[in-house]
Amino acid sequence: MDPLGARSQFLDVQTLPGWDQPQEGGDEADGHRPRSRAGQDRPPSSPFPHRDDINRKIILFNGDVALLNCTAIVNTSNETLTDKNPVADSIHRHAGPELKEELLKLKGCRTGEAKMTKGFNLAARFIIHTVGPKYKAKYRTAAESSLYNCYRNVMQLAKEQGMASVAFCVINTVKRGYPLEDATHIAFRTVRRFLENHGESIETVVFAVTDVEEPVYKKLLPLYFPRSADEEHRSLPLLPANIGNAEGEPVVPERQIRIAEKPGVPEEDSEDESLDKDLSFVGSHAFARMEGDVDKQRKLTLQGQMSEATQHKQHLRNYNRWLCRARAEDLSDIAALKALYQTGVDTCGRTVMVVVGRNIPVTLIDMEKALLYFIHVMDHITVKEYVMVYFHTLTNEHNHLDSEFLKKLYDIVDVKYKKNLKAFYFVHPTFRSKISAWFFTTFSVSGLKDKVHHVETLQQLFTCVVPEQIDIPPFVLEYEARVNGPQHSSCSSGL
């Protein structure tokens, strides 16, 4: 392939028409939603109101995503990153053979995740690879969540890497069987919510489609990106009942089962009415029939089990309150510190999260907002196994998180944080920090001590996370080269 000849085909996304043009026959020039004939109150607002600032970022493009000149394009593939589909085939053809070699280093990608490579011979600087779910009606909820994660993780990666523009292909390929219209609703609402909440730095989002998808995309775009107040009002009845939460994530109503001890007989008042709920797990073991008075033993067992279940529910409600706050507040000042970010995967394929201690000015920032930012970033990461790398390098007393804050964080976060955290790598520890970590993991929290690993050199870290899979701050590399020699810091920085 002739790279120069191929580049003549590429299209600059800035030359493409945007979605922000008002629809013909829309509102008055002042842009206000019209009143009803009798002059009553305005019609109800859409959960996706007309916003020119967001619409200016949206482009619908009928063509090959591989030909777009932007910061990153999205490739849809399978978990081994070897899928054969028209989008992936075109991207590989234009990017050149180096892309295939680079993908081998990623060691696959789980459904819903997003991983990045260079663009090689493409006009786009980067390619973000993601894996859409296979669709089966009986597993619809799982498929919706996975597809949401695809779009969310792509947008999150684009934000973390400071990308100005990202171009989506249609992630739900035909061979995976996802109904096109259902998938498009998820795509649009996820991108819309991300732009509302976190998209200040992202200037352009392109949806690249073919003739097959274009009619559906044109039909649904006004629902989530109305170009006028009138279009917003007319689109409102067409929105589906489930539009997700504040981030566009699918919401699954909790299913509670109520089982009476003696059906048909009025129950006595209980001090804790939650004892009557969620009892389907009681008595399910194989030897229940061999017990003496099963009902009496079950009731005694239930008291202890439901006490734990009640505590868990209270904890979950508390965590959800923090999560709602985290999604509602402006945390851009905390994000700007670059103290917490997602990078690649470890040698076991688990997501790697990085914490940079020196970037946390404990005495200068609102630590409650820092806690909210941690929850905001980590909530969708912790649904699967992950590891954390903490760079303690060159921290001082102004960067040290006290044990009270860490204990509060540990007590607030959901159980999935603790269950799915598989390792915590403490890089460049000092003697004092080792002692503090030992006291904290021994006396303040349970189950964390065995997961903490003190890492003296980057070379030790690279046995768990290869250099290509982690973005290391330049000052850490400089410190490593100065203290341990340049052979230990053979890694390119990503910040």
Protein backbone atom coordinates (compact mmCIF):
# COMPACT_ATOMS: atom_id res chain seq x y z
CA MET A 1 0.00 0.00 0.00
CA ASP A 2 1.26 3.46 -0.89
CA PRO A 3 0.99 5.59 2.30
CA LEU A 4 1.02 8.84 0.35
CA GLY A 5 -1.71 7.66 -1.96
CA ALA A 6 -3.79 6.43 0.96
CA ARG A 7 -3.44 9.69 2.86
CA SER A 8 -5.03 11.57 -0.03
CA GLN A 9 -8.26 9.72 0.82
CA PHE A 10 -8.34 10.91 4.42
CA LEU A 11 -10.94 13.43 5.55
CA ASP A 12 -10.37 16.07 8.21
CA VAL A 13 -13.26 15.91 10.67
CA GLN A 14 -13.25 19.70 10.92
CA THR A 15 -14.43 19.89 7.31
CA LEU A 16 -17.49 17.68 7.92
CA PRO A 17 -20.91 19.26 8.53
CA GLY A 18 -21.94 19.29 12.18
CA TRP A 19 -25.21 18.35 13.80
CA ASP A 20 -25.79 21.78 15.36
CA GLN A 21 -27.80 23.35 12.52
CA PRO A 22 -31.38 24.12 13.66
CA GLN A 23 -34.08 22.08 11.99
CA GLU A 24 -36.24 23.89 9.46
CA GLY A 25 -39.50 25.13 10.91
CA GLY A 26 -38.00 25.20 14.40
CA ASP A 27 -38.26 27.83 17.08
CA GLU A 28 -38.10 31.56 16.83
CA ALA A 29 -34.71 33.23 16.47
CA ASP A 30 -34.46 33.77 20.21
CA GLY A 31 -34.33 30.01 20.70
CA HIS A 32 -37.05 29.85 23.38
CA ARG A 33 -39.46 26.96 23.58
CA PRO A 34 -42.92 28.10 22.41
CA ARG A 35 -45.79 28.47 24.82
CA SER A 36 -49.09 26.69 24.33
CA ARG A 37 -51.93 28.54 22.58
CA ALA A 38 -53.57 29.64 25.79
CA GLY A 39 -50.26 31.01 27.08
CA GLN A 40 -49.96 28.37 29.78
CA ASP A 41 -46.66 27.05 31.13
CA ARG A 42 -44.14 25.69 28.69
CA PRO A 43 -44.26 22.00 27.78
CA PRO A 44 -42.28 19.63 29.99
CA SER A 45 -38.53 19.61 29.46
CA SER A 46 -36.71 16.66 27.95
CA PRO A 47 -34.07 14.89 30.04
CA PHE A 48 -31.85 15.68 27.03
CA PRO A 49 -32.49 19.40 26.51
CA HIS A 50 -31.43 21.42 23.49
CA ARG A 51 -27.82 22.53 23.93
CA ASP A 52 -25.93 24.14 21.08
CA ASP A 53 -22.59 23.72 22.86
CA ILE A 54 -23.00 19.94 22.82
CA ASN A 55 -24.57 19.74 19.35
CA ARG A 56 -21.58 21.58 17.90
CA LYS A 57 -19.43 18.63 18.95
CA ILE A 58 -21.53 16.01 17.13
CA ILE A 59 -20.99 14.87 13.54
CA LEU A 60 -22.91 12.14 11.67
CA PHE A 61 -20.69 10.80 8.90
CA ASN A 62 -21.68 8.24 6.27
CA GLY A 63 -18.38 6.65 5.33
CA ASP A 64 -15.35 4.69 6.44
CA VAL A 65 -14.19 5.56 9.96
CA ALA A 66 -10.64 4.52 8.98
CA LEU A 67 -10.42 7.51 6.63
CA LEU A 68 -11.06 10.17 9.25
CA ASN A 69 -8.33 12.54 10.35
CA CYS A 70 -8.94 12.99 14.06
CA THR A 71 -7.23 12.22 17.34
CA ALA A 72 -8.64 8.69 17.64
CA ILE A 73 -10.95 6.34 15.81
CA VAL A 74 -12.77 3.40 17.36
CA ASN A 75 -12.32 -0.18 16.20
CA THR A 76 -14.84 -2.89 17.09
CA SER A 77 -13.38 -6.35 17.57
CA ASN A 78 -13.58 -9.55 19.60
CA GLU A 79 -11.82 -10.43 22.85
CA THR A 80 -8.70 -11.65 21.04
CA LEU A 81 -8.67 -8.47 18.91
CA THR A 82 -8.67 -10.60 15.75
CA ASP A 83 -12.26 -10.12 14.59
CA LYS A 84 -12.93 -10.04 10.85
CA ASN A 85 -15.56 -7.40 10.12
CA PRO A 86 -15.71 -4.55 7.56
CA VAL A 87 -14.68 -1.87 10.08
CA ALA A 88 -11.71 -3.80 11.50
CA ASP A 89 -10.60 -4.96 8.05
CA SER A 90 -10.51 -1.39 6.73
CA ILE A 91 -8.65 -0.10 9.79
CA HIS A 92 -6.03 -2.83 9.49
CA ARG A 93 -5.67 -2.28 5.75
CA HIS A 94 -5.04 1.46 6.12
CA ALA A 95 -3.00 1.25 9.34
CA GLY A 96 -0.57 -1.31 7.96
CA PRO A 97 0.99 -4.51 9.38
CA GLU A 98 2.42 -2.76 12.44
CA LEU A 99 -1.06 -2.61 13.95
CA LYS A 100 -1.37 -6.40 14.06
CA GLU A 101 1.99 -6.64 15.84
CA GLU A 102 0.94 -4.00 18.34
CA LEU A 103 -2.34 -5.79 19.10
CA LEU A 104 -0.46 -8.92 20.09
CA LYS A 105 1.13 -6.97 22.93
CA LEU A 106 -2.29 -6.04 24.37
CA LYS A 107 -3.08 -9.69 25.10
CA GLY A 108 -6.72 -9.31 24.24
CA CYS A 109 -9.53 -7.09 25.46
CA ARG A 110 -12.55 -8.03 27.56
CA THR A 111 -16.10 -7.26 26.49
CA GLY A 112 -16.91 -3.67 27.39
CA GLU A 113 -13.28 -2.61 27.86
CA ALA A 114 -11.34 -0.16 25.72
CA LYS A 115 -7.64 -0.33 24.84
CA MET A 116 -5.51 2.02 22.79
CA THR A 117 -2.83 1.64 20.14
CA LYS A 118 -1.08 4.04 17.79
CA GLY A 119 -2.73 4.81 14.47
CA PHE A 120 0.39 3.97 12.42
CA ASN A 121 -0.40 4.77 8.75
CA LEU A 122 -3.85 6.16 9.54
CA ALA A 123 -4.51 9.88 9.65
CA ALA A 124 -5.81 9.31 13.19
CA ARG A 125 -3.10 9.38 15.83
CA PHE A 126 -4.66 6.58 17.87
CA ILE A 127 -7.03 3.64 17.59
CA ILE A 128 -9.25 2.75 20.53
CA HIS A 129 -10.22 -0.91 20.40
CA THR A 130 -13.36 -2.14 22.16
CA VAL A 131 -15.39 -5.34 22.27
CA GLY A 132 -19.16 -5.21 21.97
CA PRO A 133 -21.37 -7.88 23.56
CA LYS A 134 -23.07 -10.77 21.84
CA TYR A 135 -26.81 -10.22 22.15
CA LYS A 136 -29.32 -12.75 23.46
CA ALA A 137 -32.79 -11.65 24.51
CA LYS A 138 -32.70 -13.50 27.84
CA TYR A 139 -29.41 -11.77 28.72
CA ARG A 140 -30.50 -8.35 27.53
CA THR A 141 -29.58 -6.55 30.76
CA ALA A 142 -26.01 -7.84 30.65
CA ALA A 143 -25.70 -6.90 26.98
CA GLU A 144 -26.98 -3.36 27.65
CA SER A 145 -24.47 -2.88 30.46
CA SER A 146 -21.59 -4.18 28.34
CA LEU A 147 -22.44 -1.96 25.38
CA TYR A 148 -22.75 1.04 27.70
CA ASN A 149 -19.28 0.23 29.05
CA CYS A 150 -17.89 0.17 25.50
CA TYR A 151 -18.99 3.73 24.79
CA ARG A 152 -18.29 4.99 28.29
CA ASN A 153 -14.78 3.53 28.41
CA VAL A 154 -13.90 4.91 24.99
CA MET A 155 -15.01 8.38 26.07
CA GLN A 156 -13.21 8.06 29.41
CA LEU A 157 -9.99 7.03 27.66
CA ALA A 158 -10.33 9.93 25.22
CA LYS A 159 -10.73 12.35 28.12
CA GLU A 160 -7.86 10.91 30.15
CA GLN A 161 -5.53 11.10 27.14
CA GLY A 162 -6.55 14.69 26.37
CA MET A 163 -7.99 13.81 22.96
CA ALA A 164 -9.74 16.60 21.06
CA SER A 165 -11.73 14.36 18.71
CA VAL A 166 -12.88 10.75 18.61
CA ALA A 167 -14.75 8.94 15.82
CA PHE A 168 -17.00 5.99 16.66
CA CYS A 169 -17.76 3.18 14.30
CA VAL A 170 -20.96 1.22 14.96
CA ILE A 171 -19.69 -0.99 17.79
CA ASN A 172 -22.57 -3.47 17.69
CA THR A 173 -21.62 -5.49 14.59
CA VAL A 174 -24.20 -7.54 12.71
CA LYS A 175 -22.52 -10.84 13.59
CA ARG A 176 -23.01 -10.11 17.31
CA GLY A 177 -26.75 -9.80 16.81
CA TYR A 178 -27.46 -6.61 18.77
CA PRO A 179 -30.68 -4.91 17.56
CA LEU A 180 -29.50 -1.75 15.81
CA GLU A 181 -32.09 0.64 17.22
CA ASP A 182 -31.66 -0.55 20.82
CA ALA A 183 -27.89 -0.23 20.51
CA THR A 184 -28.15 3.25 19.03
CA HIS A 185 -30.20 4.48 21.99
CA ILE A 186 -27.42 3.31 24.33
CA ALA A 187 -24.70 4.86 22.17
CA PHE A 188 -26.35 8.27 21.99
CA ARG A 189 -27.41 8.60 25.61
CA THR A 190 -24.00 7.43 26.90
CA VAL A 191 -22.10 9.92 24.74
CA ARG A 192 -24.57 12.69 25.54
CA ARG A 193 -24.28 12.17 29.29
CA PHE A 194 -20.50 11.99 29.13
CA LEU A 195 -20.29 15.24 27.20
CA GLU A 196 -22.61 16.86 29.74
CA ASN A 197 -20.67 15.68 32.77
CA HIS A 198 -17.06 15.30 31.67
CA GLY A 199 -16.65 16.40 28.08
CA GLU A 200 -15.22 19.89 28.38
CA SER A 201 -11.93 18.94 26.70
CA ILE A 202 -13.49 16.84 23.91
CA GLU A 203 -14.23 19.04 20.92
CA THR A 204 -15.64 16.58 18.37
CA VAL A 205 -17.44 13.22 18.45
CA VAL A 206 -18.12 11.58 15.09
CA PHE A 207 -20.59 8.75 14.53
CA ALA A 208 -19.44 6.96 11.37
CA VAL A 209 -22.17 4.86 9.74
CA THR A 210 -23.02 3.02 6.54
CA ASP A 211 -26.18 3.27 4.45
CA VAL A 212 -27.72 0.56 6.67
CA GLU A 213 -27.31 2.46 9.95
CA GLU A 214 -27.74 6.03 8.72
CA PRO A 215 -31.60 6.12 8.73
CA VAL A 216 -31.72 4.84 12.32
CA TYR A 217 -29.06 7.28 13.48
CA LYS A 218 -30.85 10.20 11.80
CA LYS A 219 -34.13 9.17 13.40
CA LEU A 220 -32.71 8.89 16.95
CA LEU A 221 -30.17 11.72 17.03
CA PRO A 222 -32.87 14.39 17.62
CA LEU A 223 -34.00 12.54 20.76
CA TYR A 224 -30.64 12.93 22.46
CA PHE A 225 -29.22 15.94 20.60
CA PRO A 226 -32.26 18.12 19.72
CA ARG A 227 -31.27 21.07 17.52
CA SER A 228 -33.96 23.39 18.76
CA ALA A 229 -36.40 23.69 21.66
CA ASP A 230 -39.20 22.70 19.31
CA GLU A 231 -37.36 19.55 18.22
CA GLU A 232 -36.68 18.78 21.86
CA HIS A 233 -40.40 19.00 22.65
CA ARG A 234 -41.44 16.88 19.65
CA SER A 235 -38.84 14.23 20.49
CA LEU A 236 -39.86 13.87 24.13
CA PRO A 237 -42.69 11.32 23.56
CA LEU A 238 -40.34 9.21 21.44
CA LEU A 239 -37.78 8.63 24.19
CA PRO A 240 -37.80 5.10 25.65
CA ALA A 241 -38.95 4.55 29.21
CA ASN A 242 -35.47 3.49 30.34
CA ILE A 243 -32.97 6.26 29.61
CA GLY A 244 -30.44 5.10 32.18
CA ASN A 245 -29.06 7.01 35.14
CA ALA A 246 -27.20 10.31 35.22
CA GLU A 247 -24.34 8.73 33.24
CA GLY A 248 -26.59 6.91 30.75
CA GLU A 249 -25.87 3.57 32.41
CA PRO A 250 -28.75 1.05 32.28
CA VAL A 251 -30.76 0.92 35.50
CA VAL A 252 -32.03 -2.44 36.71
CA PRO A 253 -34.86 -2.27 39.29
CA GLU A 254 -34.10 -4.27 42.40
CA ARG A 255 -36.13 -7.45 42.64
CA GLN A 256 -37.24 -8.25 46.17
CA ILE A 257 -38.94 -11.51 47.14
CA ARG A 258 -41.20 -11.66 50.15
CA ILE A 259 -41.78 -15.08 51.70
CA ALA A 260 -44.08 -15.58 54.67
CA GLU A 261 -43.30 -18.30 57.19
CA LYS A 262 -46.89 -19.60 56.87
CA PRO A 263 -48.56 -18.43 53.67
CA GLY A 264 -52.14 -17.30 54.17
CA VAL A 265 -51.68 -16.57 57.89
CA PRO A 266 -51.32 -12.90 58.99
CA GLU A 267 -47.83 -12.22 60.24
CA GLU A 268 -47.04 -10.59 63.54
CA ASP A 269 -45.31 -7.23 63.53
CA SER A 270 -41.55 -7.52 63.34
CA GLU A 271 -38.99 -5.16 64.80
CA ASP A 272 -37.09 -5.42 61.53
CA GLU A 273 -39.47 -5.84 58.61
CA SER A 274 -36.53 -6.47 56.31
CA LEU A 275 -36.43 -9.99 57.81
CA ASP A 276 -39.38 -10.78 55.58
CA LYS A 277 -37.53 -9.88 52.40
CA ASP A 278 -34.95 -11.53 50.17
CA LEU A 279 -35.28 -14.98 51.79
CA SER A 280 -34.90 -17.07 48.69
CA PHE A 281 -31.42 -18.21 49.72
CA VAL A 282 -32.60 -19.85 52.98
CA GLY A 283 -32.73 -23.64 53.22
CA SER A 284 -31.31 -24.25 49.76
CA HIS A 285 -28.45 -26.54 50.84
CA ALA A 286 -28.57 -30.26 50.13
CA PHE A 287 -29.00 -31.44 53.74
CA ALA A 288 -31.84 -29.14 54.78
CA ARG A 289 -34.27 -32.08 54.76
CA MET A 290 -32.11 -33.98 57.30
CA GLU A 291 -32.38 -31.35 60.04
CA GLY A 292 -34.74 -31.75 62.99
CA ASP A 293 -37.08 -28.75 63.30
CA VAL A 294 -36.17 -27.10 60.00
CA ASP A 295 -38.48 -24.11 60.41
CA LYS A 296 -37.15 -23.23 63.86
CA GLN A 297 -33.51 -23.64 62.81
CA ARG A 298 -34.17 -21.65 59.66
CA LYS A 299 -35.64 -18.78 61.66
CA LEU A 300 -32.66 -18.71 64.03
CA THR A 301 -30.23 -18.80 61.12
CA LEU A 302 -32.22 -16.15 59.35
CA GLN A 303 -31.84 -13.68 62.20
CA GLY A 304 -28.06 -13.65 61.81
CA GLN A 305 -28.11 -13.76 58.02
CA MET A 306 -30.59 -10.94 57.69
CA SER A 307 -28.72 -8.85 60.23
CA GLU A 308 -25.74 -9.02 57.86
CA ALA A 309 -28.00 -8.49 54.84
CA THR A 310 -29.55 -5.42 56.45
CA GLN A 311 -26.12 -3.97 57.18
CA HIS A 312 -25.08 -4.65 53.60
CA LYS A 313 -28.16 -2.86 52.26
CA GLN A 314 -27.52 0.13 54.49
CA HIS A 315 -23.90 0.22 53.32
CA LEU A 316 -25.00 -0.02 49.67
CA ARG A 317 -27.51 2.81 50.12
CA ASN A 318 -24.78 4.94 51.69
CA TYR A 319 -22.38 4.18 48.84
CA ASN A 320 -25.03 5.00 46.23
CA ARG A 321 -25.58 8.37 47.89
CA TRP A 322 -21.86 9.10 47.54
CA LEU A 323 -21.92 7.86 43.94
CA CYS A 324 -24.85 10.14 43.06
CA ARG A 325 -23.01 13.09 44.58
CA ALA A 326 -19.86 12.16 42.67
CA ARG A 327 -21.76 12.13 39.38
CA ALA A 328 -23.51 15.42 40.08
CA GLU A 329 -20.61 17.58 41.32
CA ASP A 330 -18.07 19.43 39.24
CA LEU A 331 -14.82 17.61 39.98
CA SER A 332 -12.76 19.09 37.17
CA ASP A 333 -10.33 20.72 39.61
CA ILE A 334 -9.53 17.32 41.14
CA ALA A 335 -9.29 15.68 37.71
CA ALA A 336 -6.78 18.33 36.64
CA LEU A 337 -4.33 17.07 39.29
CA LYS A 338 -3.79 13.84 37.29
CA ALA A 339 -3.44 11.96 40.55
CA LEU A 340 -5.65 9.03 39.50
CA TYR A 341 -5.96 7.56 36.03
CA GLN A 342 -6.52 4.33 34.13
CA THR A 343 -3.68 2.92 32.06
CA GLY A 344 -3.25 -0.54 30.45
CA VAL A 345 -3.47 -4.05 31.90
CA ASP A 346 -1.13 -6.18 33.98
CA THR A 347 0.37 -9.49 32.87
CA CYS A 348 -2.86 -11.23 33.91
CA GLY A 349 -5.01 -8.93 31.76
CA ARG A 350 -6.43 -6.95 34.69
CA THR A 351 -7.07 -3.20 34.47
CA VAL A 352 -4.30 -1.08 36.00
CA MET A 353 -5.19 2.09 37.90
CA VAL A 354 -2.43 4.53 38.81
CA VAL A 355 -2.29 6.85 41.83
CA VAL A 356 0.43 9.52 41.87
CA GLY A 357 1.07 10.54 45.47
CA ARG A 358 2.99 13.73 44.68
CA ASN A 359 0.02 15.04 42.70
CA ILE A 360 -2.25 15.03 45.76
CA PRO A 361 -1.79 18.32 47.65
CA VAL A 362 -3.65 17.13 50.74
CA THR A 363 -3.38 20.45 52.57
CA LEU A 364 -4.60 22.52 49.61
CA ILE A 365 -7.62 20.65 48.25
CA ASP A 366 -11.03 19.59 49.49
CA MET A 367 -10.41 15.97 50.45
CA GLU A 368 -14.11 15.19 50.37
CA LYS A 369 -14.13 16.16 46.70
CA ALA A 370 -11.07 13.97 46.24
CA LEU A 371 -13.01 11.08 47.74
CA LEU A 372 -15.93 11.80 45.42
CA TYR A 373 -13.58 11.86 42.42
CA PHE A 374 -12.10 8.50 43.43
CA ILE A 375 -15.58 6.97 43.58
CA HIS A 376 -16.57 8.61 40.30
CA VAL A 377 -13.56 7.21 38.43
CA MET A 378 -13.42 3.80 40.09
CA ASP A 379 -17.08 2.75 40.14
CA HIS A 380 -17.13 1.25 36.64
CA ILE A 381 -13.53 -0.04 36.91
CA THR A 382 -14.18 -2.18 39.96
CA VAL A 383 -16.90 -4.31 38.39
CA LYS A 384 -14.03 -6.52 37.16
CA GLU A 385 -10.66 -7.53 38.58
CA TYR A 386 -8.16 -4.69 38.74
CA VAL A 387 -4.84 -3.71 40.33
CA MET A 388 -3.56 -0.39 41.63
CA VAL A 389 -0.09 1.10 41.29
CA TYR A 390 0.70 3.83 43.82
CA PHE A 391 3.76 5.99 43.12
CA HIS A 392 5.02 7.21 46.49
CA THR A 393 7.97 8.78 44.70
CA LEU A 394 9.13 12.17 46.06
CA THR A 395 6.07 12.72 48.23
CA ASN A 396 6.34 14.89 51.33
CA GLU A 397 4.17 15.71 54.34
CA HIS A 398 1.82 17.74 52.11
CA ASN A 399 0.97 14.64 50.07
CA HIS A 400 0.43 12.03 52.77
CA LEU A 401 -3.11 10.71 53.14
CA ASP A 402 -3.82 10.20 56.82
CA SER A 403 -5.18 6.89 58.08
CA GLU A 404 -8.50 8.46 59.07
CA PHE A 405 -9.19 9.47 55.45
CA LEU A 406 -8.12 6.06 54.11
CA LYS A 407 -10.30 4.28 56.68
CA LYS A 408 -13.28 6.45 55.70
CA LEU A 409 -12.67 5.66 52.04
CA TYR A 410 -12.38 1.94 52.75
CA ASP A 411 -15.60 1.97 54.78
CA ILE A 412 -17.59 3.89 52.15
CA VAL A 413 -16.69 2.04 48.96
CA ASP A 414 -18.77 -0.83 47.69
CA VAL A 415 -17.75 -4.44 48.35
CA LYS A 416 -16.77 -4.86 44.68
CA TYR A 417 -13.82 -2.50 45.26
CA LYS A 418 -12.37 -4.85 47.87
CA LYS A 419 -13.33 -8.11 46.21
CA ASN A 420 -11.97 -7.27 42.75
CA LEU A 421 -8.79 -5.50 43.89
CA LYS A 422 -6.15 -8.18 43.30
CA ALA A 423 -2.95 -6.29 44.05
CA PHE A 424 -1.77 -2.92 45.36
CA TYR A 425 1.78 -2.07 44.23
CA PHE A 426 3.42 0.49 46.52
CA VAL A 427 6.25 1.93 44.40
CA HIS A 428 9.33 3.61 45.93
CA PRO A 429 8.20 3.22 49.56
CA THR A 430 10.12 4.81 52.41
CA PHE A 431 10.76 3.13 55.75
CA ARG A 432 8.14 5.34 57.36
CA SER A 433 5.54 4.53 54.70
CA LYS A 434 6.18 0.80 55.12
CA ILE A 435 5.51 1.06 58.84
CA SER A 436 2.37 3.15 58.26
CA ALA A 437 1.08 0.69 55.66
CA TRP A 438 1.71 -2.24 58.02
CA PHE A 439 -0.20 -0.60 60.89
CA PHE A 440 -3.06 0.43 58.60
CA THR A 441 -3.52 -2.97 56.96
CA THR A 442 -3.09 -4.81 60.25
CA PHE A 443 -5.30 -2.79 62.58
CA SER A 444 -7.59 -0.56 60.49
CA VAL A 445 -8.83 -2.73 57.62
CA SER A 446 -9.18 -6.41 56.97
CA GLY A 447 -8.33 -8.39 53.88
CA LEU A 448 -5.95 -5.81 52.38
CA LYS A 449 -2.63 -6.75 53.94
CA ASP A 450 -1.88 -9.69 51.63
CA LYS A 451 -2.62 -7.56 48.54
CA VAL A 452 -0.05 -4.84 49.31
CA HIS A 453 3.34 -5.31 47.63
CA HIS A 454 6.22 -2.91 48.23
CA VAL A 455 8.11 -2.29 44.99
CA GLU A 456 11.58 -0.79 45.33
CA THR A 457 12.37 -0.37 41.61
CA LEU A 458 10.45 0.00 38.36
CA GLN A 459 12.14 -3.15 37.11
CA GLN A 460 10.31 -5.06 39.84
CA LEU A 461 7.06 -3.41 38.80
CA PHE A 462 7.63 -4.38 35.16
CA THR A 463 7.49 -8.07 36.11
CA CYS A 464 3.80 -7.48 36.91
CA VAL A 465 2.94 -4.65 34.50
CA VAL A 466 5.01 -4.46 31.31
CA PRO A 467 6.31 -0.98 30.40
CA GLU A 468 4.04 -0.65 27.37
CA GLN A 469 0.98 -1.02 29.60
CA ILE A 470 1.61 1.75 32.12
CA ASP A 471 1.95 5.52 31.84
CA ILE A 472 4.57 6.68 34.33
CA PRO A 473 5.03 10.35 35.25
CA PRO A 474 8.36 11.78 34.00
CA PHE A 475 9.53 12.72 37.48
CA VAL A 476 9.20 9.08 38.56
CA LEU A 477 11.37 7.96 35.64
CA GLU A 478 13.94 10.63 36.45
CA TYR A 479 14.03 9.59 40.10
CA GLU A 480 14.39 5.93 39.14
CA ALA A 481 17.27 6.65 36.77
CA ARG A 482 19.01 8.78 39.38
CA VAL A 483 18.62 6.34 42.27
CA ASN A 484 18.61 2.91 40.63
CA GLY A 485 20.29 3.58 37.31
CA PRO A 486 18.90 4.11 33.79
CA GLN A 487 18.51 0.39 33.11
CA HIS A 488 15.64 0.28 35.62
CA SER A 489 13.60 3.05 34.01
CA SER A 490 13.40 1.83 30.41
CA CYS A 491 9.83 2.96 29.91
CA SER A 492 8.23 5.82 28.02
CA SER A 493 6.17 8.24 30.02
CA GLY A 494 2.55 8.88 29.12
CA LEU A 495 2.00 12.15 30.96
